[in-house]
C-alpha atoms as a PDB file:
ATOM      1  CA  UNK A   1      13.263 -18.665   3.274  1.00  0.00           C
ATOM      2  CA  UNK A   2      13.731 -14.922   3.035  1.00  0.00           C
ATOM      3  CA  UNK A   3      15.127 -13.871  -0.324  1.00  0.00           C
ATOM      4  CA  UNK A   4      18.813 -13.085   0.393  1.00  0.00           C
ATOM      5  CA  UNK A   5      19.156 -11.060  -2.804  1.00  0.00           C
ATOM      6  CA  UNK A   6      16.803  -8.360  -1.495  1.00  0.00           C
ATOM      7  CA  UNK A   7      18.804  -7.514   1.644  1.00  0.00           C
ATOM      8  CA  UNK A   8      15.744  -7.627   3.885  1.00  0.00           C
ATOM      9  CA  UNK A   9      15.702  -6.894   7.629  1.00  0.00           C
ATOM     10  CA  UNK A  10      17.536  -9.756   9.354  1.00  0.00           C
ATOM     11  CA  UNK A  11      15.807  -8.976  12.658  1.00  0.00           C
ATOM     12  CA  UNK A  12      12.379  -9.406  11.107  1.00  0.00           C
ATOM     13  CA  UNK A  13      11.383 -12.421  13.188  1.00  0.00           C
ATOM     14  CA  UNK A  14      13.018 -11.376  16.457  1.00  0.00           C
ATOM     15  CA  UNK A  15      11.875  -9.338  19.437  1.00  0.00           C
ATOM     16  CA  UNK A  16      14.239  -6.570  18.290  1.00  0.00           C
ATOM     17  CA  UNK A  17      12.178  -5.848  15.201  1.00  0.00           C
ATOM     18  CA  UNK A  18      11.674  -2.114  14.724  1.00  0.00           C
ATOM     19  CA  UNK A  19       8.147  -0.744  14.197  1.00  0.00           C
ATOM     20  CA  UNK A  20       7.451   2.612  12.536  1.00  0.00           C
ATOM     21  CA  UNK A  21       4.261   4.034  10.943  1.00  0.00           C
ATOM     22  CA  UNK A  22       4.421   4.104   7.158  1.00  0.00           C
ATOM     23  CA  UNK A  23       3.210   7.725   7.334  1.00  0.00           C
ATOM     24  CA  UNK A  24       6.617   8.632   8.811  1.00  0.00           C
ATOM     25  CA  UNK A  25       8.265   7.391   5.634  1.00  0.00           C
ATOM     26  CA  UNK A  26       6.024   9.695   3.641  1.00  0.00           C
ATOM     27  CA  UNK A  27       6.992  12.734   5.704  1.00  0.00           C
ATOM     28  CA  UNK A  28      10.715  12.034   5.418  1.00  0.00           C
ATOM     29  CA  UNK A  29      10.528  11.180   1.732  1.00  0.00           C
ATOM     30  CA  UNK A  30       8.607  14.354   0.948  1.00  0.00           C
ATOM     31  CA  UNK A  31      11.244  16.540   2.594  1.00  0.00           C
ATOM     32  CA  UNK A  32      14.109  14.729   0.882  1.00  0.00           C
ATOM     33  CA  UNK A  33      12.417  15.007  -2.507  1.00  0.00           C
ATOM     34  CA  UNK A  34      11.715  18.722  -1.965  1.00  0.00           C
ATOM     35  CA  UNK A  35      15.377  19.400  -1.205  1.00  0.00           C
ATOM     36  CA  UNK A  36      16.228  18.124  -4.680  1.00  0.00           C
ATOM     37  CA  UNK A  37      13.263  19.555  -6.585  1.00  0.00           C
ATOM     38  CA  UNK A  38      12.081  23.112  -5.907  1.00  0.00           C
ATOM     39  CA  UNK A  39       8.866  22.591  -7.885  1.00  0.00           C
ATOM     40  CA  UNK A  40       7.491  20.303  -5.179  1.00  0.00           C
ATOM     41  CA  UNK A  41       4.771  21.854  -3.035  1.00  0.00           C
ATOM     42  CA  UNK A  42       2.670  20.309  -0.274  1.00  0.00           C
ATOM     43  CA  UNK A  43      -0.989  20.856   0.552  1.00  0.00           C
ATOM     44  CA  UNK A  44      -2.859  19.512   3.550  1.00  0.00           C
ATOM     45  CA  UNK A  45      -6.471  19.450   4.731  1.00  0.00           C
ATOM     46  CA  UNK A  46      -6.067  20.405   8.396  1.00  0.00           C
ATOM     47  CA  UNK A  47      -4.171  17.208   9.285  1.00  0.00           C
ATOM     48  CA  UNK A  48      -0.582  18.393   9.002  1.00  0.00           C
ATOM     49  CA  UNK A  49       0.701  16.549  12.057  1.00  0.00           C
ATOM     50  CA  UNK A  50      -1.246  13.318  11.519  1.00  0.00           C
ATOM     51  CA  UNK A  51      -0.101  13.003   7.911  1.00  0.00           C
ATOM     52  CA  UNK A  52       3.488  13.956   8.780  1.00  0.00           C
ATOM     53  CA  UNK A  53       3.283  16.847   6.337  1.00  0.00           C
ATOM     54  CA  UNK A  54       4.521  18.829   9.337  1.00  0.00           C
ATOM     55  CA  UNK A  55       8.090  17.783   8.407  1.00  0.00           C
ATOM     56  CA  UNK A  56       7.708  19.599   5.080  1.00  0.00           C
ATOM     57  CA  UNK A  57       5.970  22.606   6.621  1.00  0.00           C
ATOM     58  CA  UNK A  58       8.837  23.200   9.057  1.00  0.00           C
ATOM     59  CA  UNK A  59      11.515  23.136   6.371  1.00  0.00           C
ATOM     60  CA  UNK A  60       9.634  24.719   3.471  1.00  0.00           C
ATOM     61  CA  UNK A  61       6.898  26.982   4.930  1.00  0.00           C
ATOM     62  CA  UNK A  62       6.796  29.085   1.773  1.00  0.00           C
ATOM     63  CA  UNK A  63       5.943  25.970  -0.284  1.00  0.00           C
ATOM     64  CA  UNK A  64       3.247  24.687   2.058  1.00  0.00           C
ATOM     65  CA  UNK A  65      -0.488  25.433   1.737  1.00  0.00           C
ATOM     66  CA  UNK A  66      -2.989  24.699   4.490  1.00  0.00           C
ATOM     67  CA  UNK A  67      -6.391  24.529   2.809  1.00  0.00           C
ATOM     68  CA  UNK A  68      -8.320  23.563   5.931  1.00  0.00           C
ATOM     69  CA  UNK A  69     -11.161  21.040   5.978  1.00  0.00           C
ATOM     70  CA  UNK A  70     -11.691  21.353   2.234  1.00  0.00           C
ATOM     71  CA  UNK A  71     -10.411  18.247   0.467  1.00  0.00           C
ATOM     72  CA  UNK A  72     -12.258  19.034  -2.775  1.00  0.00           C
ATOM     73  CA  UNK A  73     -10.631  22.453  -2.915  1.00  0.00           C
ATOM     74  CA  UNK A  74      -7.258  20.872  -2.145  1.00  0.00           C
ATOM     75  CA  UNK A  75      -7.501  18.558  -5.168  1.00  0.00           C
ATOM     76  CA  UNK A  76      -8.540  21.275  -7.604  1.00  0.00           C
ATOM     77  CA  UNK A  77      -5.934  23.760  -6.369  1.00  0.00           C
ATOM     78  CA  UNK A  78      -3.265  21.067  -6.727  1.00  0.00           C
ATOM     79  CA  UNK A  79      -4.430  20.322 -10.254  1.00  0.00           C
ATOM     80  CA  UNK A  80      -4.097  23.980 -11.196  1.00  0.00           C
ATOM     81  CA  UNK A  81      -0.627  24.183  -9.686  1.00  0.00           C
ATOM     82  CA  UNK A  82       0.423  21.048 -11.587  1.00  0.00           C
ATOM     83  CA  UNK A  83      -0.840  22.559 -14.824  1.00  0.00           C
ATOM     84  CA  UNK A  84       1.565  25.459 -14.217  1.00  0.00           C
ATOM     85  CA  UNK A  85       4.606  23.292 -13.584  1.00  0.00           C
ATOM     86  CA  UNK A  86       4.470  22.474  -9.877  1.00  0.00           C
ATOM     87  CA  UNK A  87       4.598  18.942  -8.405  1.00  0.00           C
ATOM     88  CA  UNK A  88       1.922  18.999  -5.691  1.00  0.00           C
ATOM     89  CA  UNK A  89       1.551  16.441  -2.907  1.00  0.00           C
ATOM     90  CA  UNK A  90      -1.850  16.531  -1.217  1.00  0.00           C
ATOM     91  CA  UNK A  91      -2.453  14.792   2.114  1.00  0.00           C
ATOM     92  CA  UNK A  92      -5.419  13.863   4.257  1.00  0.00           C
ATOM     93  CA  UNK A  93      -7.006  10.756   5.745  1.00  0.00           C
ATOM     94  CA  UNK A  94      -7.848   8.353   2.929  1.00  0.00           C
ATOM     95  CA  UNK A  95     -11.537   8.373   3.863  1.00  0.00           C
ATOM     96  CA  UNK A  96     -11.532  12.083   2.938  1.00  0.00           C
ATOM     97  CA  UNK A  97      -8.964  12.048   0.130  1.00  0.00           C
ATOM     98  CA  UNK A  98      -9.771  10.200  -2.104  1.00  0.00           C
ATOM     99  CA  UNK A  99     -12.993   9.389  -0.254  1.00  0.00           C
ATOM    100  CA  UNK A 100     -14.572  12.853  -0.194  1.00  0.00           C
ATOM    101  CA  UNK A 101     -12.893  14.421  -3.222  1.00  0.00           C
ATOM    102  CA  UNK A 102     -12.890  11.532  -5.678  1.00  0.00           C
ATOM    103  CA  UNK A 103     -14.813  13.442  -8.333  1.00  0.00           C
ATOM    104  CA  UNK A 104     -12.324  16.324  -8.231  1.00  0.00           C
ATOM    105  CA  UNK A 105      -9.422  13.869  -8.427  1.00  0.00           C
ATOM    106  CA  UNK A 106     -11.086  12.166 -11.383  1.00  0.00           C
ATOM    107  CA  UNK A 107     -11.963  15.283 -13.350  1.00  0.00           C
ATOM    108  CA  UNK A 108      -9.144  17.706 -12.597  1.00  0.00           C
ATOM    109  CA  UNK A 109      -6.200  15.364 -11.947  1.00  0.00           C
ATOM    110  CA  UNK A 110      -6.660  11.975 -13.659  1.00  0.00           C
ATOM    111  CA  UNK A 111      -8.535  13.255 -16.713  1.00  0.00           C
ATOM    112  CA  UNK A 112      -5.947  15.967 -17.276  1.00  0.00           C
ATOM    113  CA  UNK A 113      -3.119  13.531 -16.485  1.00  0.00           C
ATOM    114  CA  UNK A 114      -1.254  16.016 -14.295  1.00  0.00           C
ATOM    115  CA  UNK A 115       1.406  14.901 -11.767  1.00  0.00           C
ATOM    116  CA  UNK A 116      -0.457  15.425  -8.495  1.00  0.00           C
ATOM    117  CA  UNK A 117       0.470  12.950  -5.745  1.00  0.00           C
ATOM    118  CA  UNK A 118      -2.411  11.954  -3.474  1.00  0.00           C
ATOM    119  CA  UNK A 119      -1.262  10.715  -0.045  1.00  0.00           C
ATOM    120  CA  UNK A 120      -4.077   8.784   1.627  1.00  0.00           C
ATOM    121  CA  UNK A 121      -3.359   8.297   5.320  1.00  0.00           C
ATOM    122  CA  UNK A 122      -4.854   6.251   8.164  1.00  0.00           C
ATOM    123  CA  UNK A 123      -5.947   3.457   5.834  1.00  0.00           C
ATOM    124  CA  UNK A 124      -7.343   0.106   6.957  1.00  0.00           C
ATOM    125  CA  UNK A 125      -8.951  -1.127  10.180  1.00  0.00           C
ATOM    126  CA  UNK A 126      -5.651  -0.734  12.038  1.00  0.00           C
ATOM    127  CA  UNK A 127      -6.520   2.960  12.429  1.00  0.00           C
ATOM    128  CA  UNK A 128      -8.150   1.560  15.575  1.00  0.00           C
ATOM    129  CA  UNK A 129     -10.284   3.646  17.920  1.00  0.00           C
ATOM    130  CA  UNK A 130     -11.258   6.257  15.308  1.00  0.00           C
ATOM    131  CA  UNK A 131     -13.732   3.697  14.009  1.00  0.00           C
ATOM    132  CA  UNK A 132     -15.476   2.892  10.750  1.00  0.00           C
ATOM    133  CA  UNK A 133     -15.842   6.492   9.511  1.00  0.00           C
ATOM    134  CA  UNK A 134     -12.053   6.926   9.493  1.00  0.00           C
ATOM    135  CA  UNK A 135     -10.994   3.436   8.413  1.00  0.00           C
ATOM    136  CA  UNK A 136     -10.485   3.640   4.647  1.00  0.00           C
ATOM    137  CA  UNK A 137     -11.205   0.219   3.153  1.00  0.00           C
ATOM    138  CA  UNK A 138     -12.339   1.217  -0.334  1.00  0.00           C
ATOM    139  CA  UNK A 139      -9.642   3.640  -1.466  1.00  0.00           C
ATOM    140  CA  UNK A 140      -7.521   1.234  -3.538  1.00  0.00           C
ATOM    141  CA  UNK A 141     -10.598   0.318  -5.568  1.00  0.00           C
ATOM    142  CA  UNK A 142     -11.544   3.979  -6.016  1.00  0.00           C
ATOM    143  CA  UNK A 143      -8.112   4.920  -7.292  1.00  0.00           C
ATOM    144  CA  UNK A 144      -7.093   1.968  -9.415  1.00  0.00           C
ATOM    145  CA  UNK A 145     -10.214   2.342 -11.558  1.00  0.00           C
ATOM    146  CA  UNK A 146      -9.113   5.832 -12.649  1.00  0.00           C
ATOM    147  CA  UNK A 147      -7.281   6.041 -15.999  1.00  0.00           C
ATOM    148  CA  UNK A 148      -3.708   7.411 -15.732  1.00  0.00           C
ATOM    149  CA  UNK A 149      -3.579   6.798 -11.943  1.00  0.00           C
ATOM    150  CA  UNK A 150      -0.703   4.865 -10.367  1.00  0.00           C
ATOM    151  CA  UNK A 151      -1.501   3.133  -7.052  1.00  0.00           C
ATOM    152  CA  UNK A 152       1.203   2.237  -4.526  1.00  0.00           C
ATOM    153  CA  UNK A 153       0.766   0.616  -1.087  1.00  0.00           C
ATOM    154  CA  UNK A 154       4.151   0.490   0.707  1.00  0.00           C
ATOM    155  CA  UNK A 155       4.815  -2.414   3.071  1.00  0.00           C
ATOM    156  CA  UNK A 156       6.783  -0.428   5.667  1.00  0.00           C
ATOM    157  CA  UNK A 157       8.150   3.018   6.507  1.00  0.00           C
ATOM    158  CA  UNK A 158      11.378   2.533   4.559  1.00  0.00           C
ATOM    159  CA  UNK A 159       9.498   1.507   1.446  1.00  0.00           C
ATOM    160  CA  UNK A 160       7.068   4.401   2.011  1.00  0.00           C
ATOM    161  CA  UNK A 161       9.952   6.845   1.836  1.00  0.00           C
ATOM    162  CA  UNK A 162      11.248   5.245  -1.362  1.00  0.00           C
ATOM    163  CA  UNK A 163       7.777   5.310  -2.907  1.00  0.00           C
ATOM    164  CA  UNK A 164       7.363   8.998  -2.083  1.00  0.00           C
ATOM    165  CA  UNK A 165      10.738   9.835  -3.589  1.00  0.00           C
ATOM    166  CA  UNK A 166      10.066   7.915  -6.781  1.00  0.00           C
ATOM    167  CA  UNK A 167       6.554   9.313  -7.141  1.00  0.00           C
ATOM    168  CA  UNK A 168       7.983  12.838  -6.960  1.00  0.00           C
ATOM    169  CA  UNK A 169       9.678  12.373 -10.326  1.00  0.00           C
ATOM    170  CA  UNK A 170       7.415   9.994 -12.268  1.00  0.00           C
ATOM    171  CA  UNK A 171       5.377  12.798 -13.881  1.00  0.00           C
ATOM    172  CA  UNK A 172       2.113  10.880 -13.338  1.00  0.00           C
ATOM    173  CA  UNK A 173      -0.938  11.127 -11.076  1.00  0.00           C
ATOM    174  CA  UNK A 174      -0.072   8.814  -8.171  1.00  0.00           C
ATOM    175  CA  UNK A 175      -1.917   7.510  -5.145  1.00  0.00           C
ATOM    176  CA  UNK A 176       0.201   6.593  -2.109  1.00  0.00           C
ATOM    177  CA  UNK A 177      -1.506   4.705   0.751  1.00  0.00           C
ATOM    178  CA  UNK A 178      -0.235   4.927   4.332  1.00  0.00           C
ATOM    179  CA  UNK A 179      -1.135   3.560   7.761  1.00  0.00           C
ATOM    180  CA  UNK A 180      -1.366   5.209  11.160  1.00  0.00           C
ATOM    181  CA  UNK A 181      -0.024   2.570  13.567  1.00  0.00           C
ATOM    182  CA  UNK A 182       3.553   1.459  14.002  1.00  0.00           C
ATOM    183  CA  UNK A 183       4.189  -1.555  11.788  1.00  0.00           C
ATOM    184  CA  UNK A 184       7.174  -3.908  11.356  1.00  0.00           C
ATOM    185  CA  UNK A 185      10.175  -2.848   9.292  1.00  0.00           C
ATOM    186  CA  UNK A 186      10.768  -5.627   6.756  1.00  0.00           C
ATOM    187  CA  UNK A 187      13.084  -3.900   4.301  1.00  0.00           C
ATOM    188  CA  UNK A 188      16.347  -1.967   4.519  1.00  0.00           C
ATOM    189  CA  UNK A 189      17.735   1.033   2.665  1.00  0.00           C
ATOM    190  CA  UNK A 190      19.420  -1.457   0.300  1.00  0.00           C
ATOM    191  CA  UNK A 191      16.271  -3.421  -0.543  1.00  0.00           C
ATOM    192  CA  UNK A 192      15.335  -2.829  -4.196  1.00  0.00           C
ATOM    193  CA  UNK A 193      12.246  -0.746  -4.875  1.00  0.00           C
ATOM    194  CA  UNK A 194      10.737   0.387  -8.146  1.00  0.00           C
ATOM    195  CA  UNK A 195       7.154   1.422  -8.779  1.00  0.00           C
ATOM    196  CA  UNK A 196       5.592  -1.263 -10.951  1.00  0.00           C
ATOM    197  CA  UNK A 197       8.056  -4.002  -9.922  1.00  0.00           C
ATOM    198  CA  UNK A 198       6.914  -6.574  -7.343  1.00  0.00           C
ATOM    199  CA  UNK A 199       9.516  -8.362  -5.220  1.00  0.00           C
ATOM    200  CA  UNK A 200       9.614 -11.977  -4.000  1.00  0.00           C
ATOM    201  CA  UNK A 201      10.284 -11.655  -0.256  1.00  0.00           C
ATOM    202  CA  UNK A 202      10.009 -15.367   0.576  1.00  0.00           C
ATOM    203  CA  UNK A 203      10.902 -18.232  -1.751  1.00  0.00           C
ATOM    204  CA  UNK A 204      10.911 -22.008  -1.721  1.00  0.00           C
ATOM    205  CA  UNK A 205      12.342 -24.683  -4.000  1.00  0.00           C
ATOM    206  CA  UNK A 206       8.994 -26.468  -4.207  1.00  0.00           C
ATOM    207  CA  UNK A 207       6.235 -23.871  -3.606  1.00  0.00           C
ATOM    208  CA  UNK A 208       2.603 -24.928  -3.517  1.00  0.00           C
ATOM    209  CA  UNK A 209       0.967 -21.510  -3.109  1.00  0.00           C
ATOM    210  CA  UNK A 210       1.807 -17.895  -3.959  1.00  0.00           C
ATOM    211  CA  UNK A 211       0.851 -15.382  -1.269  1.00  0.00           C
ATOM    212  CA  UNK A 212       0.595 -11.957  -2.906  1.00  0.00           C
ATOM    213  CA  UNK A 213       0.214  -9.012  -0.535  1.00  0.00           C
ATOM    214  CA  UNK A 214       0.582  -5.266  -0.186  1.00  0.00           C
ATOM    215  CA  UNK A 215       1.046  -2.897   2.733  1.00  0.00           C
ATOM    216  CA  UNK A 216       2.073  -3.853   6.280  1.00  0.00           C
ATOM    217  CA  UNK A 217       0.078  -7.110   6.092  1.00  0.00           C
ATOM    218  CA  UNK A 218       2.949  -8.471   4.014  1.00  0.00           C
ATOM    219  CA  UNK A 219       4.540  -9.093   7.422  1.00  0.00           C
ATOM    220  CA  UNK A 220       1.628 -11.352   8.407  1.00  0.00           C
ATOM    221  CA  UNK A 221       2.179 -13.191   5.116  1.00  0.00           C
ATOM    222  CA  UNK A 222       5.830 -13.716   6.011  1.00  0.00           C
ATOM    223  CA  UNK A 223       4.904 -15.018   9.468  1.00  0.00           C
ATOM    224  CA  UNK A 224       2.514 -17.425   7.772  1.00  0.00           C
ATOM    225  CA  UNK A 225       5.211 -18.533   5.309  1.00  0.00           C
ATOM    226  CA  UNK A 226       7.637 -19.254   8.144  1.00  0.00           C
ATOM    227  CA  UNK A 227       5.045 -21.380   9.978  1.00  0.00           C
ATOM    228  CA  UNK A 228       3.948 -23.177   6.817  1.00  0.00           C
ATOM    229  CA  UNK A 229       7.534 -24.053   5.956  1.00  0.00           C
ATOM    230  CA  UNK A 230       7.921 -25.671   9.377  1.00  0.00           C
ATOM    231  CA  UNK A 231       4.895 -27.808   8.423  1.00  0.00           C
ATOM    232  CA  UNK A 232       6.488 -28.822   5.146  1.00  0.00           C
ATOM    233  CA  UNK A 233       4.330 -26.537   2.979  1.00  0.00           C
ATOM    234  CA  UNK A 234       6.314 -24.369   0.601  1.00  0.00           C
ATOM    235  CA  UNK A 235       5.036 -20.934  -0.378  1.00  0.00           C
ATOM    236  CA  UNK A 236       6.207 -17.846  -2.221  1.00  0.00           C
ATOM    237  CA  UNK A 237       5.467 -14.423  -0.727  1.00  0.00           C
ATOM    238  CA  UNK A 238       5.285 -11.536  -3.184  1.00  0.00           C
ATOM    239  CA  UNK A 239       5.311  -7.901  -2.062  1.00  0.00           C
ATOM    240  CA  UNK A 240       3.092  -6.361  -4.726  1.00  0.00           C
ATOM    241  CA  UNK A 241       3.410  -2.788  -3.457  1.00  0.00           C
ATOM    242  CA  UNK A 242       2.253  -1.425  -6.797  1.00  0.00           C
ATOM    243  CA  UNK A 243      -1.374  -2.362  -7.328  1.00  0.00           C
ATOM    244  CA  UNK A 244      -1.467  -0.375 -10.562  1.00  0.00           C
ATOM    245  CA  UNK A 245       0.318  -0.965 -12.852  1.00  0.00           C
ATOM    246  CA  UNK A 246       0.381  -4.557 -11.619  1.00  0.00           C
ATOM    247  CA  UNK A 247       3.631  -6.450 -12.183  1.00  0.00           C
ATOM    248  CA  UNK A 248       2.053  -9.195 -14.267  1.00  0.00           C
ATOM    249  CA  UNK A 249       5.400 -10.664 -15.293  1.00  0.00           C
ATOM    250  CA  UNK A 250       6.479 -11.471 -11.725  1.00  0.00           C
ATOM    251  CA  UNK A 251       3.015 -12.642 -10.682  1.00  0.00           C
ATOM    252  CA  UNK A 252       2.692 -14.938 -13.686  1.00  0.00           C
ATOM    253  CA  UNK A 253       6.148 -16.373 -13.032  1.00  0.00           C
ATOM    254  CA  UNK A 254       5.367 -17.391  -9.432  1.00  0.00           C
ATOM    255  CA  UNK A 255       1.826 -18.560 -10.193  1.00  0.00           C
ATOM    256  CA  UNK A 256       3.056 -20.879 -12.932  1.00  0.00           C
ATOM    257  CA  UNK A 257       5.229 -22.516 -10.258  1.00  0.00           C
ATOM    258  CA  UNK A 258       2.539 -22.739  -7.584  1.00  0.00           C
ATOM    259  CA  UNK A 259      -0.786 -23.161  -9.338  1.00  0.00           C
ATOM    260  CA  UNK A 260      -2.670 -21.432  -6.497  1.00  0.00           C
ATOM    261  CA  UNK A 261      -2.870 -17.936  -4.985  1.00  0.00           C
ATOM    262  CA  UNK A 262      -3.830 -16.210  -1.740  1.00  0.00           C
ATOM    263  CA  UNK A 263      -4.008 -12.397  -1.823  1.00  0.00           C
ATOM    264  CA  UNK A 264      -3.561 -10.342   1.349  1.00  0.00           C
ATOM    265  CA  UNK A 265      -4.592  -6.716   1.904  1.00  0.00           C
ATOM    266  CA  UNK A 266      -6.079  -4.421   4.573  1.00  0.00           C
ATOM    267  CA  UNK A 267      -8.861  -3.376   2.238  1.00  0.00           C
ATOM    268  CA  UNK A 268     -12.163  -4.613   0.889  1.00  0.00           C
ATOM    269  CA  UNK A 269     -11.728  -7.878  -0.975  1.00  0.00           C
ATOM    270  CA  UNK A 270     -13.791  -6.344  -3.780  1.00  0.00           C
ATOM    271  CA  UNK A 271     -11.798  -4.055  -6.042  1.00  0.00           C
ATOM    272  CA  UNK A 272      -8.432  -4.089  -4.302  1.00  0.00           C
ATOM    273  CA  UNK A 273      -5.223  -6.028  -4.884  1.00  0.00           C
ATOM    274  CA  UNK A 274      -7.120  -9.313  -4.916  1.00  0.00           C
ATOM    275  CA  UNK A 275      -9.385  -7.991  -7.631  1.00  0.00           C
ATOM    276  CA  UNK A 276      -6.446  -6.759  -9.683  1.00  0.00           C
ATOM    277  CA  UNK A 277      -4.614 -10.102  -9.409  1.00  0.00           C
ATOM    278  CA  UNK A 278      -7.722 -12.176 -10.207  1.00  0.00           C
ATOM    279  CA  UNK A 279      -8.552 -10.002 -13.215  1.00  0.00           C
ATOM    280  CA  UNK A 280      -5.026 -10.470 -14.539  1.00  0.00           C
ATOM    281  CA  UNK A 281      -4.940 -14.241 -13.944  1.00  0.00           C
ATOM    282  CA  UNK A 282      -8.418 -14.785 -15.379  1.00  0.00           C
ATOM    283  CA  UNK A 283      -7.100 -13.874 -18.815  1.00  0.00           C
ATOM    284  CA  UNK A 284      -3.558 -15.248 -18.529  1.00  0.00           C
ATOM    285  CA  UNK A 285      -3.380 -18.253 -16.172  1.00  0.00           C
ATOM    286  CA  UNK A 286      -6.546 -19.079 -14.160  1.00  0.00           C
ATOM    287  CA  UNK A 287      -5.859 -20.855 -10.851  1.00  0.00           C
ATOM    288  CA  UNK A 288      -7.719 -21.389  -7.539  1.00  0.00           C
ATOM    289  CA  UNK A 289      -7.620 -18.273  -5.352  1.00  0.00           C
ATOM    290  CA  UNK A 290      -8.484 -17.243  -1.803  1.00  0.00           C
ATOM    291  CA  UNK A 291      -8.688 -13.666  -0.502  1.00  0.00           C
ATOM    292  CA  UNK A 292      -7.632 -12.134   2.818  1.00  0.00           C
ATOM    293  CA  UNK A 293      -9.171  -8.724   3.471  1.00  0.00           C
ATOM    294  CA  UNK A 294     -12.397  -7.063   4.588  1.00  0.00           C
ATOM    295  CA  UNK A 295     -15.335  -9.215   3.559  1.00  0.00           C
ATOM    296  CA  UNK A 296     -17.929  -6.654   2.420  1.00  0.00           C
ATOM    297  CA  UNK A 297     -18.235  -4.850   5.729  1.00  0.00           C
ATOM    298  CA  UNK A 298     -17.187  -1.791   7.705  1.00  0.00           C
ATOM    299  CA  UNK A 299     -14.768  -1.687  10.615  1.00  0.00           C
ATOM    300  CA  UNK A 300     -15.386  -0.508  14.164  1.00  0.00           C
ATOM    301  CA  UNK A 301     -13.573   1.108  17.071  1.00  0.00           C
ATOM    302  CA  UNK A 302     -11.005  -1.051  18.843  1.00  0.00           C
ATOM    303  CA  UNK A 303      -7.346  -1.884  19.308  1.00  0.00           C
ATOM    304  CA  UNK A 304      -5.562  -2.295  15.958  1.00  0.00           C
ATOM    305  CA  UNK A 305      -4.344  -5.842  16.607  1.00  0.00           C
ATOM    306  CA  UNK A 306      -7.750  -6.863  17.910  1.00  0.00           C
ATOM    307  CA  UNK A 307      -9.436  -5.516  14.801  1.00  0.00           C
ATOM    308  CA  UNK A 308      -7.035  -7.304  12.477  1.00  0.00           C
ATOM    309  CA  UNK A 309      -7.779 -10.505  14.356  1.00  0.00           C
ATOM    310  CA  UNK A 310     -11.558  -9.981  14.346  1.00  0.00           C
ATOM    311  CA  UNK A 311     -11.627  -9.330  10.619  1.00  0.00           C
ATOM    312  CA  UNK A 312      -9.370 -12.339   9.920  1.00  0.00           C
ATOM    313  CA  UNK A 313      -6.268 -10.597   8.565  1.00  0.00           C
ATOM    314  CA  UNK A 314      -3.625 -12.263  10.746  1.00  0.00           C
ATOM    315  CA  UNK A 315      -1.069 -14.945   9.878  1.00  0.00           C
ATOM    316  CA  UNK A 316      -3.302 -17.749  11.193  1.00  0.00           C
ATOM    317  CA  UNK A 317      -6.015 -16.652   8.768  1.00  0.00           C
ATOM    318  CA  UNK A 318      -3.523 -16.637   5.902  1.00  0.00           C
ATOM    319  CA  UNK A 319      -2.441 -20.170   6.867  1.00  0.00           C
ATOM    320  CA  UNK A 320      -6.069 -21.279   6.839  1.00  0.00           C
ATOM    321  CA  UNK A 321      -6.554 -19.725   3.394  1.00  0.00           C
ATOM    322  CA  UNK A 322      -3.415 -21.479   2.113  1.00  0.00           C
ATOM    323  CA  UNK A 323      -4.682 -24.830   3.393  1.00  0.00           C
ATOM    324  CA  UNK A 324      -8.040 -24.206   1.742  1.00  0.00           C
ATOM    325  CA  UNK A 325      -6.652 -23.208  -1.627  1.00  0.00           C
ATOM    326  CA  UNK A 326      -4.317 -26.225  -1.713  1.00  0.00           C
ATOM    327  CA  UNK A 327      -7.340 -28.500  -1.306  1.00  0.00           C
ATOM    328  CA  UNK A 328      -9.073 -26.725  -4.149  1.00  0.00           C
ATOM    329  CA  UNK A 329      -5.978 -27.093  -6.258  1.00  0.00           C
ATOM    330  CA  UNK A 330      -5.893 -30.866  -5.722  1.00  0.00           C
END
């Protein structure tokens, strides 16, 4: 059942469920943060509307910098501004930032440990018709390997806003990952959120498997949990929005109860959330694991839902993975 302590969206499994792009949460959170902190500035690489940086530009034009199609310049300029006391947010499609400017992020932001916030938009295959060149599926891996870098993948637009607000004051280099398409709202304004603290969205008195996910695919995990419960299979669903630092305490607690894990992410299986969880469990509590995500391939043009289905990231695929990992556990 849904965890009542988290005050989640009660309409989650109804036709009335609201759907909003997580990028909208970024735009709103950035404006709200900037109203409280005058040191916040925003930079964009010619994608102001798509990244919802337009909200900030309209309210704070004097604190907005359009660098054009120059993501490497954007990262280095932001680093310099951070060194002189500003709190820069830089935004582009994730395939370009951190995809194109990773070296600049590494050398001028992470190495210097300055509080630049990198907003990577249009992540995952659900970008749709833009195709493989614009579907970032490697960005979590690129960013979590960097020392000093925090990596957050919000599950919905409300959580995206909270993540943006918290990142604005954490004084650390931070990567925030957002999607293009409208996705289900699972949380509410009263749902707890803290960078570095995972939340158990679905619980069971006798769980057999822990499903650990990040981003909007957490909703597919919840749909799977609901169906599995009707079949008499208990699971725990963990929203691990922070991939780095991973909330090892919560993960270890649920895995000790279940003895098996399925990770869920709209990203390459290699190097993402699944990699982070398996690395942690390998040295603390090894258990059978299955992975939902992109299986060493690129995406293609298509409808978002069709692509998620083709690349086996839907609830039915999670159910199949749960069934498989239970057999391995036995």
